[in-house]
């Protein structure tokens, strides 16, 4: 069965790259959110198997989304230009892929952690 992945990314071109990576990992994007509020709303209304999200959406931290994901025990991958040290809210066990990322690196992470 194909895994359903929610994508939370505010940069359109990066979102397209991530969508390709999700498809290459044999998963399906069920929706794309561009803001923290959209992400939280979609998580409540669209059942998914995991999430790929940027750490910063239009200058806003995705900490509320991460907390929501942890409460639901949903796996996720954070894709960000920030380092782990700069993301104080990010749990130590969270998967972090640095921007710019290679498609192979992202596909492998999606297969390992979400697929």
PDB file of N, CA and C in Angstrom:
ATOM      1  N   UNK A   1       0.835  -1.181   0.000  1.00  0.00           N
ATOM      2  CA  UNK A   1       0.000   0.000   0.000  1.00  0.00           C
ATOM      3  C   UNK A   1       0.884   1.249   0.000  1.00  0.00           C
ATOM      4  N   UNK A   2       0.540   2.209  -0.812  1.00  0.00           N
ATOM      5  CA  UNK A   2       1.301   3.447  -0.923  1.00  0.00           C
ATOM      6  C   UNK A   2       1.082   4.313   0.314  1.00  0.00           C
ATOM      7  N   UNK A   3       2.166   4.800   0.874  1.00  0.00           N
ATOM      8  CA  UNK A   3       2.090   5.673   2.051  1.00  0.00           C
ATOM      9  C   UNK A   3       1.636   7.058   1.631  1.00  0.00           C
ATOM     10  N   UNK A   4       0.781   7.674   2.453  1.00  0.00           N
ATOM     11  CA  UNK A   4       0.265   9.018   2.202  1.00  0.00           C
ATOM     12  C   UNK A   4       1.077  10.020   3.014  1.00  0.00           C
ATOM     13  N   UNK A   5       1.688  10.964   2.294  1.00  0.00           N
ATOM     14  CA  UNK A   5       2.587  11.937   2.927  1.00  0.00           C
ATOM     15  C   UNK A   5       2.033  13.349   2.772  1.00  0.00           C
ATOM     16  N   UNK A   6       2.020  14.091   3.859  1.00  0.00           N
ATOM     17  CA  UNK A   6       1.669  15.503   3.830  1.00  0.00           C
ATOM     18  C   UNK A   6       2.960  16.298   3.665  1.00  0.00           C
ATOM     19  N   UNK A   7       2.953  17.254   2.768  1.00  0.00           N
ATOM     20  CA  UNK A   7       4.105  18.119   2.519  1.00  0.00           C
ATOM     21  C   UNK A   7       3.806  19.506   3.075  1.00  0.00           C
ATOM     22  N   UNK A   8       4.725  20.042   3.874  1.00  0.00           N
ATOM     23  CA  UNK A   8       4.571  21.382   4.456  1.00  0.00           C
ATOM     24  C   UNK A   8       5.804  22.183   4.048  1.00  0.00           C
ATOM     25  N   UNK A   9       5.648  23.017   3.032  1.00  0.00           N
ATOM     26  CA  UNK A   9       6.765  23.779   2.451  1.00  0.00           C
ATOM     27  C   UNK A   9       6.201  25.026   1.794  1.00  0.00           C
ATOM     28  N   UNK A  10       6.805  26.180   2.073  1.00  0.00           N
ATOM     29  CA  UNK A  10       6.294  27.436   1.524  1.00  0.00           C
ATOM     30  C   UNK A  10       6.983  27.889   0.244  1.00  0.00           C
ATOM     31  N   UNK A  11       8.068  27.256  -0.149  1.00  0.00           N
ATOM     32  CA  UNK A  11       8.774  27.606  -1.387  1.00  0.00           C
ATOM     33  C   UNK A  11       8.308  26.662  -2.501  1.00  0.00           C
ATOM     34  N   UNK A  12       7.640  27.198  -3.508  1.00  0.00           N
ATOM     35  CA  UNK A  12       7.019  26.385  -4.551  1.00  0.00           C
ATOM     36  C   UNK A  12       8.004  25.476  -5.272  1.00  0.00           C
ATOM     37  N   UNK A  13       9.151  25.987  -5.669  1.00  0.00           N
ATOM     38  CA  UNK A  13      10.113  25.154  -6.408  1.00  0.00           C
ATOM     39  C   UNK A  13      10.683  24.040  -5.537  1.00  0.00           C
ATOM     40  N   UNK A  14      10.939  24.337  -4.282  1.00  0.00           N
ATOM     41  CA  UNK A  14      11.433  23.303  -3.370  1.00  0.00           C
ATOM     42  C   UNK A  14      10.337  22.265  -3.132  1.00  0.00           C
ATOM     43  N   UNK A  15       9.100  22.732  -3.003  1.00  0.00           N
ATOM     44  CA  UNK A  15       7.976  21.803  -2.818  1.00  0.00           C
ATOM     45  C   UNK A  15       7.878  20.840  -3.999  1.00  0.00           C
ATOM     46  N   UNK A  16       8.076  21.334  -5.201  1.00  0.00           N
ATOM     47  CA  UNK A  16       8.035  20.453  -6.381  1.00  0.00           C
ATOM     48  C   UNK A  16       9.142  19.410  -6.329  1.00  0.00           C
ATOM     49  N   UNK A  17      10.347  19.825  -5.955  1.00  0.00           N
ATOM     50  CA  UNK A  17      11.455  18.865  -5.810  1.00  0.00           C
ATOM     51  C   UNK A  17      11.124  17.797  -4.775  1.00  0.00           C
ATOM     52  N   UNK A  18      10.572  18.230  -3.666  1.00  0.00           N
ATOM     53  CA  UNK A  18      10.232  17.278  -2.599  1.00  0.00           C
ATOM     54  C   UNK A  18       9.118  16.340  -3.057  1.00  0.00           C
ATOM     55  N   UNK A  19       8.156  16.862  -3.813  1.00  0.00           N
ATOM     56  CA  UNK A  19       7.097  16.009  -4.352  1.00  0.00           C
ATOM     57  C   UNK A  19       7.680  14.910  -5.236  1.00  0.00           C
ATOM     58  N   UNK A  20       8.643  15.262  -6.078  1.00  0.00           N
ATOM     59  CA  UNK A  20       9.303  14.264  -6.926  1.00  0.00           C
ATOM     60  C   UNK A  20      10.006  13.215  -6.069  1.00  0.00           C
ATOM     61  N   UNK A  21      10.673  13.652  -5.010  1.00  0.00           N
ATOM     62  CA  UNK A  21      11.367  12.716  -4.124  1.00  0.00           C
ATOM     63  C   UNK A  21      10.374  11.784  -3.441  1.00  0.00           C
ATOM     64  N   UNK A  22       9.250  12.314  -3.008  1.00  0.00           N
ATOM     65  CA  UNK A  22       8.221  11.488  -2.362  1.00  0.00           C
ATOM     66  C   UNK A  22       7.704  10.447  -3.344  1.00  0.00           C
ATOM     67  N   UNK A  23       7.460  10.861  -4.576  1.00  0.00           N
ATOM     68  CA  UNK A  23       6.999   9.919  -5.609  1.00  0.00           C
ATOM     69  C   UNK A  23       8.069   8.868  -5.904  1.00  0.00           C
ATOM     70  N   UNK A  24       9.329   9.290  -5.975  1.00  0.00           N
ATOM     71  CA  UNK A  24      10.431   8.347  -6.212  1.00  0.00           C
ATOM     72  C   UNK A  24      10.562   7.329  -5.085  1.00  0.00           C
ATOM     73  N   UNK A  25      10.118   7.696  -3.903  1.00  0.00           N
ATOM     74  CA  UNK A  25      10.161   6.790  -2.752  1.00  0.00           C
ATOM     75  C   UNK A  25       8.907   5.914  -2.686  1.00  0.00           C
ATOM     76  N   UNK A  26       8.108   5.951  -3.759  1.00  0.00           N
ATOM     77  CA  UNK A  26       6.867   5.173  -3.859  1.00  0.00           C
ATOM     78  C   UNK A  26       5.829   5.562  -2.814  1.00  0.00           C
ATOM     79  N   UNK A  27       5.782   6.853  -2.515  1.00  0.00           N
ATOM     80  CA  UNK A  27       4.772   7.400  -1.619  1.00  0.00           C
ATOM     81  C   UNK A  27       3.946   8.417  -2.402  1.00  0.00           C
ATOM     82  N   UNK A  28       2.868   8.891  -1.798  1.00  0.00           N
ATOM     83  CA  UNK A  28       1.944   9.796  -2.473  1.00  0.00           C
ATOM     84  C   UNK A  28       1.710  11.051  -1.625  1.00  0.00           C
ATOM     85  N   UNK A  29       1.839  12.228  -2.245  1.00  0.00           N
ATOM     86  CA  UNK A  29       1.556  13.488  -1.559  1.00  0.00           C
ATOM     87  C   UNK A  29       0.038  13.677  -1.516  1.00  0.00           C
ATOM     88  N   UNK A  30      -0.516  13.771  -0.315  1.00  0.00           N
ATOM     89  CA  UNK A  30      -1.967  13.945  -0.186  1.00  0.00           C
ATOM     90  C   UNK A  30      -2.370  15.411  -0.107  1.00  0.00           C
ATOM     91  N   UNK A  31      -1.389  16.285   0.115  1.00  0.00           N
ATOM     92  CA  UNK A  31      -1.672  17.710   0.186  1.00  0.00           C
ATOM     93  C   UNK A  31      -0.405  18.474   0.500  1.00  0.00           C
ATOM     94  N   UNK A  32      -0.439  19.772   0.179  1.00  0.00           N
ATOM     95  CA  UNK A  32       0.701  20.637   0.457  1.00  0.00           C
ATOM     96  C   UNK A  32       0.216  21.860   1.219  1.00  0.00           C
ATOM     97  N   UNK A  33       0.817  22.088   2.373  1.00  0.00           N
ATOM     98  CA  UNK A  33       0.508  23.263   3.193  1.00  0.00           C
ATOM     99  C   UNK A  33       1.667  24.242   3.075  1.00  0.00           C
ATOM    100  N   UNK A  34       1.335  25.542   3.091  1.00  0.00           N
ATOM    101  CA  UNK A  34       2.372  26.571   2.985  1.00  0.00           C
ATOM    102  C   UNK A  34       2.529  27.402   4.244  1.00  0.00           C
ATOM    103  N   UNK A  35       1.644  27.182   5.210  1.00  0.00           N
ATOM    104  CA  UNK A  35       1.721  27.917   6.469  1.00  0.00           C
ATOM    105  C   UNK A  35       1.558  26.931   7.635  1.00  0.00           C
ATOM    106  N   UNK A  36       1.918  27.388   8.814  1.00  0.00           N
ATOM    107  CA  UNK A  36       1.758  26.555  10.010  1.00  0.00           C
ATOM    108  C   UNK A  36       0.277  26.230  10.218  1.00  0.00           C
ATOM    109  N   UNK A  37      -0.589  27.228  10.090  1.00  0.00           N
ATOM    110  CA  UNK A  37      -2.025  26.990  10.283  1.00  0.00           C
ATOM    111  C   UNK A  37      -2.576  25.988   9.273  1.00  0.00           C
ATOM    112  N   UNK A  38      -2.178  26.113   8.006  1.00  0.00           N
ATOM    113  CA  UNK A  38      -2.616  25.148   6.984  1.00  0.00           C
ATOM    114  C   UNK A  38      -2.129  23.749   7.332  1.00  0.00           C
ATOM    115  N   UNK A  39      -0.885  23.652   7.767  1.00  0.00           N
ATOM    116  CA  UNK A  39      -0.322  22.349   8.129  1.00  0.00           C
ATOM    117  C   UNK A  39      -1.092  21.698   9.263  1.00  0.00           C
ATOM    118  N   UNK A  40      -1.388  22.455  10.300  1.00  0.00           N
ATOM    119  CA  UNK A  40      -2.138  21.920  11.437  1.00  0.00           C
ATOM    120  C   UNK A  40      -3.550  21.509  11.016  1.00  0.00           C
ATOM    121  N   UNK A  41      -4.182  22.336  10.201  1.00  0.00           N
ATOM    122  CA  UNK A  41      -5.527  22.027   9.720  1.00  0.00           C
ATOM    123  C   UNK A  41      -5.534  20.751   8.884  1.00  0.00           C
ATOM    124  N   UNK A  42      -4.566  20.625   7.977  1.00  0.00           N
ATOM    125  CA  UNK A  42      -4.501  19.431   7.133  1.00  0.00           C
ATOM    126  C   UNK A  42      -4.211  18.175   7.961  1.00  0.00           C
ATOM    127  N   UNK A  43      -3.373  18.299   8.974  1.00  0.00           N
ATOM    128  CA  UNK A  43      -3.088  17.151   9.839  1.00  0.00           C
ATOM    129  C   UNK A  43      -4.351  16.666  10.544  1.00  0.00           C
ATOM    130  N   UNK A  44      -5.238  17.596  10.894  1.00  0.00           N
ATOM    131  CA  UNK A  44      -6.476  17.226  11.568  1.00  0.00           C
ATOM    132  C   UNK A  44      -7.542  16.698  10.611  1.00  0.00           C
ATOM    133  N   UNK A  45      -7.464  17.079   9.337  1.00  0.00           N
ATOM    134  CA  UNK A  45      -8.534  16.712   8.407  1.00  0.00           C
ATOM    135  C   UNK A  45      -8.138  15.667   7.363  1.00  0.00           C
ATOM    136  N   UNK A  46      -6.854  15.412   7.193  1.00  0.00           N
ATOM    137  CA  UNK A  46      -6.396  14.486   6.157  1.00  0.00           C
ATOM    138  C   UNK A  46      -5.504  13.421   6.791  1.00  0.00           C
ATOM    139  N   UNK A  47      -6.008  12.227   6.984  1.00  0.00           N
ATOM    140  CA  UNK A  47      -5.157  11.175   7.555  1.00  0.00           C
ATOM    141  C   UNK A  47      -3.927  10.932   6.672  1.00  0.00           C
ATOM    142  N   UNK A  48      -2.770  10.840   7.318  1.00  0.00           N
ATOM    143  CA  UNK A  48      -1.536  10.600   6.562  1.00  0.00           C
ATOM    144  C   UNK A  48      -0.639   9.646   7.348  1.00  0.00           C
ATOM    145  N   UNK A  49       0.358   9.126   6.653  1.00  0.00           N
ATOM    146  CA  UNK A  49       1.302   8.189   7.261  1.00  0.00           C
ATOM    147  C   UNK A  49       2.593   8.866   7.712  1.00  0.00           C
ATOM    148  N   UNK A  50       2.811  10.109   7.277  1.00  0.00           N
ATOM    149  CA  UNK A  50       4.016  10.837   7.630  1.00  0.00           C
ATOM    150  C   UNK A  50       4.012  12.215   7.000  1.00  0.00           C
ATOM    151  N   UNK A  51       5.014  13.015   7.381  1.00  0.00           N
ATOM    152  CA  UNK A  51       5.083  14.408   6.938  1.00  0.00           C
ATOM    153  C   UNK A  51       6.522  14.766   6.583  1.00  0.00           C
ATOM    154  N   UNK A  52       6.670  15.533   5.495  1.00  0.00           N
ATOM    155  CA  UNK A  52       7.940  16.170   5.167  1.00  0.00           C
ATOM    156  C   UNK A  52       7.683  17.663   5.310  1.00  0.00           C
ATOM    157  N   UNK A  53       8.493  18.344   6.133  1.00  0.00           N
ATOM    158  CA  UNK A  53       8.217  19.754   6.364  1.00  0.00           C
ATOM    159  C   UNK A  53       9.490  20.582   6.481  1.00  0.00           C
ATOM    160  N   UNK A  54       9.349  21.827   6.070  1.00  0.00           N
ATOM    161  CA  UNK A  54      10.398  22.824   6.248  1.00  0.00           C
ATOM    162  C   UNK A  54      10.324  23.300   7.696  1.00  0.00           C
ATOM    163  N   UNK A  55      11.449  23.719   8.249  1.00  0.00           N
ATOM    164  CA  UNK A  55      11.486  24.160   9.644  1.00  0.00           C
ATOM    165  C   UNK A  55      10.961  25.573   9.831  1.00  0.00           C
ATOM    166  N   UNK A  56      10.902  26.338   8.746  1.00  0.00           N
ATOM    167  CA  UNK A  56      10.519  27.731   8.821  1.00  0.00           C
ATOM    168  C   UNK A  56       9.592  28.040   7.652  1.00  0.00           C
ATOM    169  N   UNK A  57       8.410  28.517   7.948  1.00  0.00           N
ATOM    170  CA  UNK A  57       7.430  28.848   6.914  1.00  0.00           C
ATOM    171  C   UNK A  57       7.122  30.334   6.984  1.00  0.00           C
ATOM    172  N   UNK A  58       7.635  31.079   6.041  1.00  0.00           N
ATOM    173  CA  UNK A  58       7.378  32.518   6.008  1.00  0.00           C
ATOM    174  C   UNK A  58       7.806  33.226   7.280  1.00  0.00           C
ATOM    175  N   UNK A  59       8.918  32.786   7.863  1.00  0.00           N
ATOM    176  CA  UNK A  59       9.419  33.406   9.081  1.00  0.00           C
ATOM    177  C   UNK A  59       8.823  32.837  10.360  1.00  0.00           C
ATOM    178  N   UNK A  60       7.983  31.813  10.238  1.00  0.00           N
ATOM    179  CA  UNK A  60       7.360  31.204  11.410  1.00  0.00           C
ATOM    180  C   UNK A  60       7.884  29.787  11.622  1.00  0.00           C
ATOM    181  N   UNK A  61       8.221  29.478  12.848  1.00  0.00           N
ATOM    182  CA  UNK A  61       8.713  28.162  13.230  1.00  0.00           C
ATOM    183  C   UNK A  61       7.597  27.129  13.095  1.00  0.00           C
ATOM    184  N   UNK A  62       7.965  25.912  12.697  1.00  0.00           N
ATOM    185  CA  UNK A  62       6.996  24.818  12.612  1.00  0.00           C
ATOM    186  C   UNK A  62       6.913  24.040  13.921  1.00  0.00           C
ATOM    187  N   UNK A  63       7.413  24.609  15.001  1.00  0.00           N
ATOM    188  CA  UNK A  63       7.365  23.932  16.296  1.00  0.00           C
ATOM    189  C   UNK A  63       5.958  23.433  16.636  1.00  0.00           C
ATOM    190  N   UNK A  64       4.882  24.220  16.411  1.00  0.00           N
ATOM    191  CA  UNK A  64       3.546  23.696  16.727  1.00  0.00           C
ATOM    192  C   UNK A  64       3.197  22.439  15.917  1.00  0.00           C
ATOM    193  N   UNK A  65       3.651  22.370  14.693  1.00  0.00           N
ATOM    194  CA  UNK A  65       3.384  21.186  13.867  1.00  0.00           C
ATOM    195  C   UNK A  65       4.161  19.996  14.412  1.00  0.00           C
ATOM    196  N   UNK A  66       5.427  20.211  14.749  1.00  0.00           N
ATOM    197  CA  UNK A  66       6.255  19.129  15.293  1.00  0.00           C
ATOM    198  C   UNK A  66       5.630  18.594  16.587  1.00  0.00           C
ATOM    199  N   UNK A  67       5.173  19.481  17.446  1.00  0.00           N
ATOM    200  CA  UNK A  67       4.537  19.046  18.693  1.00  0.00           C
ATOM    201  C   UNK A  67       3.281  18.230  18.405  1.00  0.00           C
ATOM    202  N   UNK A  68       2.514  18.648  17.404  1.00  0.00           N
ATOM    203  CA  UNK A  68       1.308  17.930  16.993  1.00  0.00           C
ATOM    204  C   UNK A  68       1.671  16.540  16.451  1.00  0.00           C
ATOM    205  N   UNK A  69       2.713  16.483  15.643  1.00  0.00           N
ATOM    206  CA  UNK A  69       3.163  15.201  15.085  1.00  0.00           C
ATOM    207  C   UNK A  69       3.616  14.257  16.192  1.00  0.00           C
ATOM    208  N   UNK A  70       4.341  14.784  17.159  1.00  0.00           N
ATOM    209  CA  UNK A  70       4.800  13.956  18.270  1.00  0.00           C
ATOM    210  C   UNK A  70       3.620  13.439  19.092  1.00  0.00           C
ATOM    211  N   UNK A  71       2.624  14.273  19.309  1.00  0.00           N
ATOM    212  CA  UNK A  71       1.446  13.847  20.062  1.00  0.00           C
ATOM    213  C   UNK A  71       0.697  12.734  19.336  1.00  0.00           C
ATOM    214  N   UNK A  72       0.714  12.779  17.996  1.00  0.00           N
ATOM    215  CA  UNK A  72       0.038  11.756  17.193  1.00  0.00           C
ATOM    216  C   UNK A  72       0.954  10.570  16.867  1.00  0.00           C
ATOM    217  N   UNK A  73       2.215  10.667  17.274  1.00  0.00           N
ATOM    218  CA  UNK A  73       3.222   9.638  16.982  1.00  0.00           C
ATOM    219  C   UNK A  73       3.365   9.393  15.480  1.00  0.00           C
ATOM    220  N   UNK A  74       3.305  10.476  14.710  1.00  0.00           N
ATOM    221  CA  UNK A  74       3.481  10.394  13.259  1.00  0.00           C
ATOM    222  C   UNK A  74       4.939  10.667  12.903  1.00  0.00           C
ATOM    223  N   UNK A  75       5.519   9.857  12.020  1.00  0.00           N
ATOM    224  CA  UNK A  75       6.902  10.114  11.606  1.00  0.00           C
ATOM    225  C   UNK A  75       6.987  11.340  10.696  1.00  0.00           C
ATOM    226  N   UNK A  76       8.136  11.987  10.732  1.00  0.00           N
ATOM    227  CA  UNK A  76       8.331  13.185   9.916  1.00  0.00           C
ATOM    228  C   UNK A  76       9.801  13.369   9.600  1.00  0.00           C
ATOM    229  N   UNK A  77      10.030  14.139   8.532  1.00  0.00           N
ATOM    230  CA  UNK A  77      11.371  14.539   8.126  1.00  0.00           C
ATOM    231  C   UNK A  77      11.360  16.054   7.995  1.00  0.00           C
ATOM    232  N   UNK A  78      12.332  16.702   8.602  1.00  0.00           N
ATOM    233  CA  UNK A  78      12.471  18.149   8.494  1.00  0.00           C
ATOM    234  C   UNK A  78      13.525  18.441   7.433  1.00  0.00           C
ATOM    235  N   UNK A  79      13.169  19.320   6.500  1.00  0.00           N
ATOM    236  CA  UNK A  79      14.087  19.761   5.446  1.00  0.00           C
ATOM    237  C   UNK A  79      14.316  21.247   5.685  1.00  0.00           C
ATOM    238  N   UNK A  80      15.586  21.630   5.904  1.00  0.00           N
ATOM    239  CA  UNK A  80      15.818  23.016   6.292  1.00  0.00           C
ATOM    240  C   UNK A  80      17.222  23.499   5.943  1.00  0.00           C
ATOM    241  N   UNK A  81      17.338  24.782   5.740  1.00  0.00           N
ATOM    242  CA  UNK A  81      18.634  25.414   5.572  1.00  0.00           C
ATOM    243  C   UNK A  81      19.289  25.711   6.908  1.00  0.00           C
ATOM    244  N   UNK A  82      18.537  25.556   7.992  1.00  0.00           N
ATOM    245  CA  UNK A  82      19.074  25.760   9.330  1.00  0.00           C
ATOM    246  C   UNK A  82      19.740  24.481   9.830  1.00  0.00           C
ATOM    247  N   UNK A  83      20.705  24.642  10.707  1.00  0.00           N
ATOM    248  CA  UNK A  83      21.363  23.482  11.319  1.00  0.00           C
ATOM    249  C   UNK A  83      20.565  23.043  12.545  1.00  0.00           C
ATOM    250  N   UNK A  84      20.862  21.864  13.033  1.00  0.00           N
ATOM    251  CA  UNK A  84      20.178  21.343  14.222  1.00  0.00           C
ATOM    252  C   UNK A  84      20.367  22.297  15.410  1.00  0.00           C
ATOM    253  N   UNK A  85      21.559  22.886  15.541  1.00  0.00           N
ATOM    254  CA  UNK A  85      21.821  23.822  16.638  1.00  0.00           C
ATOM    255  C   UNK A  85      20.937  25.065  16.559  1.00  0.00           C
ATOM    256  N   UNK A  86      20.551  25.453  15.343  1.00  0.00           N
ATOM    257  CA  UNK A  86      19.716  26.635  15.168  1.00  0.00           C
ATOM    258  C   UNK A  86      18.230  26.335  15.378  1.00  0.00           C
ATOM    259  N   UNK A  87      17.891  25.064  15.416  1.00  0.00           N
ATOM    260  CA  UNK A  87      16.491  24.652  15.584  1.00  0.00           C
ATOM    261  C   UNK A  87      16.312  24.076  16.987  1.00  0.00           C
ATOM    262  N   UNK A  88      16.271  24.966  17.959  1.00  0.00           N
ATOM    263  CA  UNK A  88      16.237  24.570  19.366  1.00  0.00           C
ATOM    264  C   UNK A  88      15.056  23.666  19.699  1.00  0.00           C
ATOM    265  N   UNK A  89      13.947  23.833  19.005  1.00  0.00           N
ATOM    266  CA  UNK A  89      12.736  23.067  19.271  1.00  0.00           C
ATOM    267  C   UNK A  89      12.778  21.654  18.690  1.00  0.00           C
ATOM    268  N   UNK A  90      13.744  21.383  17.827  1.00  0.00           N
ATOM    269  CA  UNK A  90      13.786  20.104  17.122  1.00  0.00           C
ATOM    270  C   UNK A  90      14.288  19.003  18.056  1.00  0.00           C
ATOM    271  N   UNK A  91      13.492  17.954  18.252  1.00  0.00           N
ATOM    272  CA  UNK A  91      13.944  16.855  19.102  1.00  0.00           C
ATOM    273  C   UNK A  91      15.200  16.196  18.540  1.00  0.00           C
ATOM    274  N   UNK A  92      16.008  15.690  19.425  1.00  0.00           N
ATOM    275  CA  UNK A  92      17.269  15.071  19.040  1.00  0.00           C
ATOM    276  C   UNK A  92      17.070  13.928  18.041  1.00  0.00           C
ATOM    277  N   UNK A  93      15.984  13.180  18.190  1.00  0.00           N
ATOM    278  CA  UNK A  93      15.737  12.026  17.321  1.00  0.00           C
ATOM    279  C   UNK A  93      15.127  12.389  15.968  1.00  0.00           C
ATOM    280  N   UNK A  94      14.785  13.647  15.768  1.00  0.00           N
ATOM    281  CA  UNK A  94      14.170  14.071  14.505  1.00  0.00           C
ATOM    282  C   UNK A  94      15.159  13.930  13.343  1.00  0.00           C
ATOM    283  N   UNK A  95      14.630  13.522  12.199  1.00  0.00           N
ATOM    284  CA  UNK A  95      15.436  13.413  10.986  1.00  0.00           C
ATOM    285  C   UNK A  95      15.505  14.795  10.344  1.00  0.00           C
ATOM    286  N   UNK A  96      16.723  15.295  10.120  1.00  0.00           N
ATOM    287  CA  UNK A  96      16.932  16.614   9.529  1.00  0.00           C
ATOM    288  C   UNK A  96      17.770  16.466   8.272  1.00  0.00           C
ATOM    289  N   UNK A  97      17.222  16.934   7.155  1.00  0.00           N
ATOM    290  CA  UNK A  97      17.930  16.949   5.872  1.00  0.00           C
ATOM    291  C   UNK A  97      18.246  18.412   5.567  1.00  0.00           C
ATOM    292  N   UNK A  98      19.523  18.722   5.350  1.00  0.00           N
ATOM    293  CA  UNK A  98      19.938  20.103   5.098  1.00  0.00           C
ATOM    294  C   UNK A  98      19.699  20.539   3.666  1.00  0.00           C
ATOM    295  N   UNK A  99      19.280  21.797   3.526  1.00  0.00           N
ATOM    296  CA  UNK A  99      19.164  22.416   2.204  1.00  0.00           C
ATOM    297  C   UNK A  99      20.487  23.087   1.900  1.00  0.00           C
ATOM    298  N   UNK A 100      20.981  23.009   0.696  1.00  0.00           N
ATOM    299  CA  UNK A 100      20.412  22.227  -0.406  1.00  0.00           C
ATOM    300  C   UNK A 100      20.642  20.745  -0.159  1.00  0.00           C
ATOM    301  N   UNK A 101      19.716  19.933  -0.628  1.00  0.00           N
ATOM    302  CA  UNK A 101      19.798  18.490  -0.438  1.00  0.00           C
ATOM    303  C   UNK A 101      19.932  17.811  -1.798  1.00  0.00           C
ATOM    304  N   UNK A 102      20.474  16.612  -1.782  1.00  0.00           N
ATOM    305  CA  UNK A 102      20.491  15.824  -3.019  1.00  0.00           C
ATOM    306  C   UNK A 102      19.209  15.019  -3.061  1.00  0.00           C
ATOM    307  N   UNK A 103      18.706  14.797  -4.254  1.00  0.00           N
ATOM    308  CA  UNK A 103      17.474  14.039  -4.413  1.00  0.00           C
ATOM    309  C   UNK A 103      17.639  12.632  -3.832  1.00  0.00           C
ATOM    310  N   UNK A 104      18.809  12.029  -4.053  1.00  0.00           N
ATOM    311  CA  UNK A 104      19.071  10.681  -3.549  1.00  0.00           C
ATOM    312  C   UNK A 104      18.989  10.651  -2.031  1.00  0.00           C
ATOM    313  N   UNK A 105      19.590  11.646  -1.383  1.00  0.00           N
ATOM    314  CA  UNK A 105      19.566  11.720   0.078  1.00  0.00           C
ATOM    315  C   UNK A 105      18.136  11.813   0.599  1.00  0.00           C
ATOM    316  N   UNK A 106      17.326  12.646  -0.039  1.00  0.00           N
ATOM    317  CA  UNK A 106      15.953  12.825   0.421  1.00  0.00           C
ATOM    318  C   UNK A 106      15.115  11.578   0.159  1.00  0.00           C
ATOM    319  N   UNK A 107      15.244  10.991  -1.017  1.00  0.00           N
ATOM    320  CA  UNK A 107      14.499   9.769  -1.346  1.00  0.00           C
ATOM    321  C   UNK A 107      14.847   8.667  -0.350  1.00  0.00           C
ATOM    322  N   UNK A 108      16.142   8.498  -0.077  1.00  0.00           N
ATOM    323  CA  UNK A 108      16.567   7.477   0.883  1.00  0.00           C
ATOM    324  C   UNK A 108      15.973   7.724   2.268  1.00  0.00           C
ATOM    325  N   UNK A 109      15.977   8.971   2.713  1.00  0.00           N
ATOM    326  CA  UNK A 109      15.416   9.303   4.029  1.00  0.00           C
ATOM    327  C   UNK A 109      13.909   9.018   4.067  1.00  0.00           C
ATOM    328  N   UNK A 110      13.216   9.352   2.994  1.00  0.00           N
ATOM    329  CA  UNK A 110      11.764   9.100   2.940  1.00  0.00           C
ATOM    330  C   UNK A 110      11.505   7.598   2.996  1.00  0.00           C
ATOM    331  N   UNK A 111      12.252   6.830   2.232  1.00  0.00           N
ATOM    332  CA  UNK A 111      12.084   5.361   2.254  1.00  0.00           C
ATOM    333  C   UNK A 111      12.353   4.788   3.638  1.00  0.00           C
ATOM    334  N   UNK A 112      13.404   5.257   4.277  1.00  0.00           N
ATOM    335  CA  UNK A 112      13.799   4.724   5.587  1.00  0.00           C
ATOM    336  C   UNK A 112      12.836   5.127   6.701  1.00  0.00           C
ATOM    337  N   UNK A 113      12.386   6.384   6.683  1.00  0.00           N
ATOM    338  CA  UNK A 113      11.659   6.896   7.836  1.00  0.00           C
ATOM    339  C   UNK A 113      10.151   7.047   7.633  1.00  0.00           C
ATOM    340  N   UNK A 114       9.705   7.140   6.387  1.00  0.00           N
ATOM    341  CA  UNK A 114       8.287   7.331   6.132  1.00  0.00           C
ATOM    342  C   UNK A 114       7.667   6.211   5.305  1.00  0.00           C
ATOM    343  N   UNK A 115       8.471   5.588   4.452  1.00  0.00           N
ATOM    344  CA  UNK A 115       7.950   4.585   3.512  1.00  0.00           C
ATOM    345  C   UNK A 115       7.936   3.223   4.094  1.00  0.00           C
TER     346      UNK A 115
END
